[in-house]
């Protein structure tokens, strides 16, 4: 199994973050995932995923602050 892609949005301009995350999600094969790294809880992003991809994604916190949040976002099989 290949290593999961890590997307560290802390180094990206704010205007590019969501586009990068959503395009990365849409490029996932069923059964695969990537790890999002952020400097705050990406709860608003979760709400967007829920609105756009209801029931079609997984969201698992791997680390929850206070300085770094890591979330595995996947596309179930």
PDB file of N, CA and C in Angstrom:
ATOM      1  N   UNK A   1       0.853  -1.184   0.000  1.00  0.00           N
ATOM      2  CA  UNK A   1       0.000   0.000   0.000  1.00  0.00           C
ATOM      3  C   UNK A   1       0.897   1.245   0.000  1.00  0.00           C
ATOM      4  N   UNK A   2       0.687   2.172  -0.927  1.00  0.00           N
ATOM      5  CA  UNK A   2       1.521   3.382  -0.958  1.00  0.00           C
ATOM      6  C   UNK A   2       1.246   4.277   0.247  1.00  0.00           C
ATOM      7  N   UNK A   3       2.243   5.069   0.597  1.00  0.00           N
ATOM      8  CA  UNK A   3       2.077   5.999   1.717  1.00  0.00           C
ATOM      9  C   UNK A   3       1.020   7.036   1.374  1.00  0.00           C
ATOM     10  N   UNK A   4       0.291   7.458   2.394  1.00  0.00           N
ATOM     11  CA  UNK A   4      -0.734   8.481   2.174  1.00  0.00           C
ATOM     12  C   UNK A   4      -0.076   9.823   1.898  1.00  0.00           C
ATOM     13  N   UNK A   5      -0.667  10.562   1.005  1.00  0.00           N
ATOM     14  CA  UNK A   5      -0.209  11.915   0.718  1.00  0.00           C
ATOM     15  C   UNK A   5      -0.479  12.782   1.940  1.00  0.00           C
ATOM     16  N   UNK A   6       0.439  13.675   2.250  1.00  0.00           N
ATOM     17  CA  UNK A   6       0.256  14.648   3.322  1.00  0.00           C
ATOM     18  C   UNK A   6       0.126  16.019   2.685  1.00  0.00           C
ATOM     19  N   UNK A   7      -0.950  16.714   3.015  1.00  0.00           N
ATOM     20  CA  UNK A   7      -1.173  18.069   2.506  1.00  0.00           C
ATOM     21  C   UNK A   7      -1.070  19.014   3.689  1.00  0.00           C
ATOM     22  N   UNK A   8       0.026  19.741   3.748  1.00  0.00           N
ATOM     23  CA  UNK A   8       0.270  20.687   4.838  1.00  0.00           C
ATOM     24  C   UNK A   8      -0.146  22.070   4.358  1.00  0.00           C
ATOM     25  N   UNK A   9      -1.360  22.479   4.731  1.00  0.00           N
ATOM     26  CA  UNK A   9      -1.873  23.758   4.246  1.00  0.00           C
ATOM     27  C   UNK A   9      -1.288  24.950   5.005  1.00  0.00           C
ATOM     28  N   UNK A  10      -0.541  24.682   6.066  1.00  0.00           N
ATOM     29  CA  UNK A  10       0.070  25.783   6.820  1.00  0.00           C
ATOM     30  C   UNK A  10       1.026  26.594   5.962  1.00  0.00           C
ATOM     31  N   UNK A  11       1.572  25.984   4.917  1.00  0.00           N
ATOM     32  CA  UNK A  11       2.548  26.666   4.064  1.00  0.00           C
ATOM     33  C   UNK A  11       1.912  27.268   2.811  1.00  0.00           C
ATOM     34  N   UNK A  12       0.601  27.136   2.670  1.00  0.00           N
ATOM     35  CA  UNK A  12      -0.101  27.633   1.474  1.00  0.00           C
ATOM     36  C   UNK A  12      -0.801  28.949   1.760  1.00  0.00           C
ATOM     37  N   UNK A  13      -0.918  29.809   0.728  1.00  0.00           N
ATOM     38  CA  UNK A  13      -1.756  31.002   0.883  1.00  0.00           C
ATOM     39  C   UNK A  13      -3.200  30.579   1.168  1.00  0.00           C
ATOM     40  N   UNK A  14      -3.883  31.346   1.999  1.00  0.00           N
ATOM     41  CA  UNK A  14      -5.251  30.991   2.394  1.00  0.00           C
ATOM     42  C   UNK A  14      -6.164  30.764   1.195  1.00  0.00           C
ATOM     43  N   UNK A  15      -6.024  31.549   0.155  1.00  0.00           N
ATOM     44  CA  UNK A  15      -6.901  31.450  -1.003  1.00  0.00           C
ATOM     45  C   UNK A  15      -6.759  30.162  -1.794  1.00  0.00           C
ATOM     46  N   UNK A  16      -5.681  29.414  -1.578  1.00  0.00           N
ATOM     47  CA  UNK A  16      -5.445  28.173  -2.331  1.00  0.00           C
ATOM     48  C   UNK A  16      -5.794  26.924  -1.541  1.00  0.00           C
ATOM     49  N   UNK A  17      -5.993  27.051  -0.255  1.00  0.00           N
ATOM     50  CA  UNK A  17      -6.122  25.874   0.617  1.00  0.00           C
ATOM     51  C   UNK A  17      -7.303  24.991   0.256  1.00  0.00           C
ATOM     52  N   UNK A  18      -8.506  25.532   0.221  1.00  0.00           N
ATOM     53  CA  UNK A  18      -9.685  24.689  -0.002  1.00  0.00           C
ATOM     54  C   UNK A  18      -9.686  24.095  -1.400  1.00  0.00           C
ATOM     55  N   UNK A  19      -9.279  24.865  -2.405  1.00  0.00           N
ATOM     56  CA  UNK A  19      -9.217  24.315  -3.766  1.00  0.00           C
ATOM     57  C   UNK A  19      -8.262  23.129  -3.818  1.00  0.00           C
ATOM     58  N   UNK A  20      -7.118  23.255  -3.164  1.00  0.00           N
ATOM     59  CA  UNK A  20      -6.133  22.167  -3.140  1.00  0.00           C
ATOM     60  C   UNK A  20      -6.702  20.944  -2.437  1.00  0.00           C
ATOM     61  N   UNK A  21      -7.363  21.160  -1.312  1.00  0.00           N
ATOM     62  CA  UNK A  21      -7.928  20.046  -0.539  1.00  0.00           C
ATOM     63  C   UNK A  21      -9.024  19.336  -1.332  1.00  0.00           C
ATOM     64  N   UNK A  22      -9.949  20.101  -1.913  1.00  0.00           N
ATOM     65  CA  UNK A  22     -11.049  19.484  -2.649  1.00  0.00           C
ATOM     66  C   UNK A  22     -10.568  18.777  -3.911  1.00  0.00           C
ATOM     67  N   UNK A  23      -9.604  19.358  -4.624  1.00  0.00           N
ATOM     68  CA  UNK A  23      -9.103  18.676  -5.819  1.00  0.00           C
ATOM     69  C   UNK A  23      -8.336  17.410  -5.435  1.00  0.00           C
ATOM     70  N   UNK A  24      -7.631  17.442  -4.309  1.00  0.00           N
ATOM     71  CA  UNK A  24      -6.935  16.235  -3.837  1.00  0.00           C
ATOM     72  C   UNK A  24      -7.934  15.148  -3.459  1.00  0.00           C
ATOM     73  N   UNK A  25      -9.014  15.536  -2.812  1.00  0.00           N
ATOM     74  CA  UNK A  25     -10.054  14.562  -2.451  1.00  0.00           C
ATOM     75  C   UNK A  25     -10.660  13.936  -3.712  1.00  0.00           C
ATOM     76  N   UNK A  26     -10.991  14.776  -4.682  1.00  0.00           N
ATOM     77  CA  UNK A  26     -11.644  14.271  -5.891  1.00  0.00           C
ATOM     78  C   UNK A  26     -10.724  13.365  -6.701  1.00  0.00           C
ATOM     79  N   UNK A  27      -9.402  13.511  -6.527  1.00  0.00           N
ATOM     80  CA  UNK A  27      -8.439  12.669  -7.236  1.00  0.00           C
ATOM     81  C   UNK A  27      -8.204  11.332  -6.530  1.00  0.00           C
ATOM     82  N   UNK A  28      -8.724  11.162  -5.315  1.00  0.00           N
ATOM     83  CA  UNK A  28      -8.508   9.924  -4.573  1.00  0.00           C
ATOM     84  C   UNK A  28      -9.218   8.753  -5.234  1.00  0.00           C
ATOM     85  N   UNK A  29      -8.559   7.612  -5.222  1.00  0.00           N
ATOM     86  CA  UNK A  29      -9.193   6.368  -5.620  1.00  0.00           C
ATOM     87  C   UNK A  29     -10.049   5.885  -4.442  1.00  0.00           C
ATOM     88  N   UNK A  30     -11.138   5.182  -4.700  1.00  0.00           N
ATOM     89  CA  UNK A  30     -11.908   4.609  -3.593  1.00  0.00           C
ATOM     90  C   UNK A  30     -11.006   3.762  -2.695  1.00  0.00           C
ATOM     91  N   UNK A  31     -11.170   3.936  -1.401  1.00  0.00           N
ATOM     92  CA  UNK A  31     -10.369   3.208  -0.434  1.00  0.00           C
ATOM     93  C   UNK A  31      -9.076   3.891  -0.040  1.00  0.00           C
ATOM     94  N   UNK A  32      -8.802   5.067  -0.602  1.00  0.00           N
ATOM     95  CA  UNK A  32      -7.569   5.770  -0.260  1.00  0.00           C
ATOM     96  C   UNK A  32      -7.884   7.051   0.505  1.00  0.00           C
ATOM     97  N   UNK A  33      -6.826   7.683   1.024  1.00  0.00           N
ATOM     98  CA  UNK A  33      -6.993   8.863   1.866  1.00  0.00           C
ATOM     99  C   UNK A  33      -5.743   9.731   1.789  1.00  0.00           C
ATOM    100  N   UNK A  34      -5.864  10.947   2.300  1.00  0.00           N
ATOM    101  CA  UNK A  34      -4.701  11.797   2.512  1.00  0.00           C
ATOM    102  C   UNK A  34      -4.804  12.377   3.915  1.00  0.00           C
ATOM    103  N   UNK A  35      -3.685  12.908   4.394  1.00  0.00           N
ATOM    104  CA  UNK A  35      -3.653  13.513   5.717  1.00  0.00           C
ATOM    105  C   UNK A  35      -3.509  15.020   5.554  1.00  0.00           C
ATOM    106  N   UNK A  36      -4.452  15.735   6.109  1.00  0.00           N
ATOM    107  CA  UNK A  36      -4.442  17.198   6.105  1.00  0.00           C
ATOM    108  C   UNK A  36      -3.749  17.676   7.380  1.00  0.00           C
ATOM    109  N   UNK A  37      -2.817  18.607   7.241  1.00  0.00           N
ATOM    110  CA  UNK A  37      -2.137  19.207   8.389  1.00  0.00           C
ATOM    111  C   UNK A  37      -2.486  20.687   8.397  1.00  0.00           C
ATOM    112  N   UNK A  38      -2.962  21.177   9.545  1.00  0.00           N
ATOM    113  CA  UNK A  38      -3.417  22.570   9.644  1.00  0.00           C
ATOM    114  C   UNK A  38      -3.013  23.145  10.997  1.00  0.00           C
ATOM    115  N   UNK A  39      -3.081  24.467  11.105  1.00  0.00           N
ATOM    116  CA  UNK A  39      -2.715  25.138  12.355  1.00  0.00           C
ATOM    117  C   UNK A  39      -3.933  25.494  13.199  1.00  0.00           C
ATOM    118  N   UNK A  40      -5.113  25.040  12.772  1.00  0.00           N
ATOM    119  CA  UNK A  40      -6.341  25.235  13.549  1.00  0.00           C
ATOM    120  C   UNK A  40      -7.297  24.090  13.210  1.00  0.00           C
ATOM    121  N   UNK A  41      -8.313  23.936  14.031  1.00  0.00           N
ATOM    122  CA  UNK A  41      -9.303  22.892  13.803  1.00  0.00           C
ATOM    123  C   UNK A  41     -10.042  23.187  12.498  1.00  0.00           C
ATOM    124  N   UNK A  42      -9.971  22.290  11.521  1.00  0.00           N
ATOM    125  CA  UNK A  42     -10.619  22.547  10.234  1.00  0.00           C
ATOM    126  C   UNK A  42     -12.113  22.204  10.226  1.00  0.00           C
ATOM    127  N   UNK A  43     -12.791  22.479  11.319  1.00  0.00           N
ATOM    128  CA  UNK A  43     -14.217  22.157  11.433  1.00  0.00           C
ATOM    129  C   UNK A  43     -15.056  22.788  10.315  1.00  0.00           C
ATOM    130  N   UNK A  44     -14.821  24.066   9.933  1.00  0.00           N
ATOM    131  CA  UNK A  44     -15.604  24.618   8.813  1.00  0.00           C
ATOM    132  C   UNK A  44     -15.405  23.830   7.513  1.00  0.00           C
ATOM    133  N   UNK A  45     -14.202  23.319   7.302  1.00  0.00           N
ATOM    134  CA  UNK A  45     -13.941  22.494   6.125  1.00  0.00           C
ATOM    135  C   UNK A  45     -14.764  21.207   6.194  1.00  0.00           C
ATOM    136  N   UNK A  46     -14.889  20.642   7.384  1.00  0.00           N
ATOM    137  CA  UNK A  46     -15.712  19.433   7.558  1.00  0.00           C
ATOM    138  C   UNK A  46     -17.155  19.720   7.155  1.00  0.00           C
ATOM    139  N   UNK A  47     -17.669  20.876   7.553  1.00  0.00           N
ATOM    140  CA  UNK A  47     -19.039  21.246   7.172  1.00  0.00           C
ATOM    141  C   UNK A  47     -19.167  21.341   5.653  1.00  0.00           C
ATOM    142  N   UNK A  48     -18.148  21.887   4.984  1.00  0.00           N
ATOM    143  CA  UNK A  48     -18.184  21.974   3.520  1.00  0.00           C
ATOM    144  C   UNK A  48     -18.173  20.582   2.896  1.00  0.00           C
ATOM    145  N   UNK A  49     -17.313  19.703   3.405  1.00  0.00           N
ATOM    146  CA  UNK A  49     -17.285  18.330   2.902  1.00  0.00           C
ATOM    147  C   UNK A  49     -18.648  17.683   3.081  1.00  0.00           C
ATOM    148  N   UNK A  50     -19.250  17.887   4.238  1.00  0.00           N
ATOM    149  CA  UNK A  50     -20.545  17.270   4.512  1.00  0.00           C
ATOM    150  C   UNK A  50     -21.617  17.783   3.555  1.00  0.00           C
ATOM    151  N   UNK A  51     -21.546  19.046   3.190  1.00  0.00           N
ATOM    152  CA  UNK A  51     -22.516  19.617   2.254  1.00  0.00           C
ATOM    153  C   UNK A  51     -22.274  19.141   0.820  1.00  0.00           C
ATOM    154  N   UNK A  52     -21.010  19.014   0.435  1.00  0.00           N
ATOM    155  CA  UNK A  52     -20.671  18.689  -0.948  1.00  0.00           C
ATOM    156  C   UNK A  52     -20.609  17.184  -1.222  1.00  0.00           C
ATOM    157  N   UNK A  53     -20.189  16.414  -0.225  1.00  0.00           N
ATOM    158  CA  UNK A  53     -19.935  14.985  -0.422  1.00  0.00           C
ATOM    159  C   UNK A  53     -20.623  14.154   0.660  1.00  0.00           C
ATOM    160  N   UNK A  54     -21.859  14.469   0.966  1.00  0.00           N
ATOM    161  CA  UNK A  54     -22.593  13.803   2.048  1.00  0.00           C
ATOM    162  C   UNK A  54     -22.496  12.286   1.932  1.00  0.00           C
ATOM    163  N   UNK A  55     -21.967  11.660   2.990  1.00  0.00           N
ATOM    164  CA  UNK A  55     -21.868  10.211   3.026  1.00  0.00           C
ATOM    165  C   UNK A  55     -20.803   9.611   2.131  1.00  0.00           C
ATOM    166  N   UNK A  56     -19.990  10.439   1.496  1.00  0.00           N
ATOM    167  CA  UNK A  56     -19.002   9.945   0.525  1.00  0.00           C
ATOM    168  C   UNK A  56     -17.568  10.165   0.981  1.00  0.00           C
ATOM    169  N   UNK A  57     -17.357  10.492   2.257  1.00  0.00           N
ATOM    170  CA  UNK A  57     -15.994  10.744   2.721  1.00  0.00           C
ATOM    171  C   UNK A  57     -15.861  10.276   4.160  1.00  0.00           C
ATOM    172  N   UNK A  58     -14.617  10.046   4.555  1.00  0.00           N
ATOM    173  CA  UNK A  58     -14.323   9.756   5.959  1.00  0.00           C
ATOM    174  C   UNK A  58     -13.473  10.897   6.505  1.00  0.00           C
ATOM    175  N   UNK A  59     -13.579  11.128   7.803  1.00  0.00           N
ATOM    176  CA  UNK A  59     -12.908  12.252   8.454  1.00  0.00           C
ATOM    177  C   UNK A  59     -12.456  11.768   9.828  1.00  0.00           C
ATOM    178  N   UNK A  60     -11.168  11.558   9.990  1.00  0.00           N
ATOM    179  CA  UNK A  60     -10.648  11.012  11.241  1.00  0.00           C
ATOM    180  C   UNK A  60      -9.537  11.909  11.780  1.00  0.00           C
ATOM    181  N   UNK A  61      -9.781  12.475  12.956  1.00  0.00           N
ATOM    182  CA  UNK A  61      -8.744  13.284  13.596  1.00  0.00           C
ATOM    183  C   UNK A  61      -7.615  12.376  14.060  1.00  0.00           C
ATOM    184  N   UNK A  62      -6.392  12.719  13.695  1.00  0.00           N
ATOM    185  CA  UNK A  62      -5.203  12.004  14.146  1.00  0.00           C
ATOM    186  C   UNK A  62      -4.503  12.793  15.253  1.00  0.00           C
ATOM    187  N   UNK A  63      -4.642  14.114  15.209  1.00  0.00           N
ATOM    188  CA  UNK A  63      -4.050  15.013  16.205  1.00  0.00           C
ATOM    189  C   UNK A  63      -4.948  16.235  16.297  1.00  0.00           C
ATOM    190  N   UNK A  64      -5.238  16.686  17.521  1.00  0.00           N
ATOM    191  CA  UNK A  64      -6.178  17.796  17.708  1.00  0.00           C
ATOM    192  C   UNK A  64      -5.566  18.897  18.562  1.00  0.00           C
ATOM    193  N   UNK A  65      -4.573  19.602  17.980  1.00  0.00           N
ATOM    194  CA  UNK A  65      -4.016  20.785  18.598  1.00  0.00           C
ATOM    195  C   UNK A  65      -3.236  20.526  19.860  1.00  0.00           C
ATOM    196  N   UNK A  66      -2.870  21.610  20.511  1.00  0.00           N
ATOM    197  CA  UNK A  66      -3.362  22.972  20.292  1.00  0.00           C
ATOM    198  C   UNK A  66      -2.679  23.723  19.149  1.00  0.00           C
ATOM    199  N   UNK A  67      -1.529  23.229  18.653  1.00  0.00           N
ATOM    200  CA  UNK A  67      -0.844  23.972  17.591  1.00  0.00           C
ATOM    201  C   UNK A  67      -0.953  23.308  16.225  1.00  0.00           C
ATOM    202  N   UNK A  68      -1.137  22.000  16.198  1.00  0.00           N
ATOM    203  CA  UNK A  68      -1.215  21.264  14.936  1.00  0.00           C
ATOM    204  C   UNK A  68      -2.431  20.341  14.975  1.00  0.00           C
ATOM    205  N   UNK A  69      -3.172  20.356  13.894  1.00  0.00           N
ATOM    206  CA  UNK A  69      -4.284  19.419  13.697  1.00  0.00           C
ATOM    207  C   UNK A  69      -3.934  18.565  12.493  1.00  0.00           C
ATOM    208  N   UNK A  70      -4.130  17.280  12.624  1.00  0.00           N
ATOM    209  CA  UNK A  70      -3.929  16.335  11.531  1.00  0.00           C
ATOM    210  C   UNK A  70      -5.218  15.531  11.371  1.00  0.00           C
ATOM    211  N   UNK A  71      -5.745  15.526  10.136  1.00  0.00           N
ATOM    212  CA  UNK A  71      -7.002  14.840   9.854  1.00  0.00           C
ATOM    213  C   UNK A  71      -6.799  13.941   8.628  1.00  0.00           C
ATOM    214  N   UNK A  72      -7.189  12.673   8.764  1.00  0.00           N
ATOM    215  CA  UNK A  72      -7.174  11.780   7.603  1.00  0.00           C
ATOM    216  C   UNK A  72      -8.531  11.908   6.917  1.00  0.00           C
ATOM    217  N   UNK A  73      -8.495  12.329   5.665  1.00  0.00           N
ATOM    218  CA  UNK A  73      -9.697  12.491   4.856  1.00  0.00           C
ATOM    219  C   UNK A  73      -9.651  11.417   3.769  1.00  0.00           C
ATOM    220  N   UNK A  74     -10.690  10.608   3.722  1.00  0.00           N
ATOM    221  CA  UNK A  74     -10.670   9.499   2.787  1.00  0.00           C
ATOM    222  C   UNK A  74     -11.909   9.383   1.938  1.00  0.00           C
ATOM    223  N   UNK A  75     -11.750   8.552   0.921  1.00  0.00           N
ATOM    224  CA  UNK A  75     -12.866   8.204   0.032  1.00  0.00           C
ATOM    225  C   UNK A  75     -13.131   6.714   0.225  1.00  0.00           C
ATOM    226  N   UNK A  76     -14.220   6.395   0.919  1.00  0.00           N
ATOM    227  CA  UNK A  76     -14.505   4.967   1.187  1.00  0.00           C
ATOM    228  C   UNK A  76     -14.714   4.180  -0.108  1.00  0.00           C
ATOM    229  N   UNK A  77     -14.514   2.871   0.019  1.00  0.00           N
ATOM    230  CA  UNK A  77     -14.725   1.983  -1.155  1.00  0.00           C
ATOM    231  C   UNK A  77     -16.191   1.801  -1.416  1.00  0.00           C
TER     232      UNK A  77
END
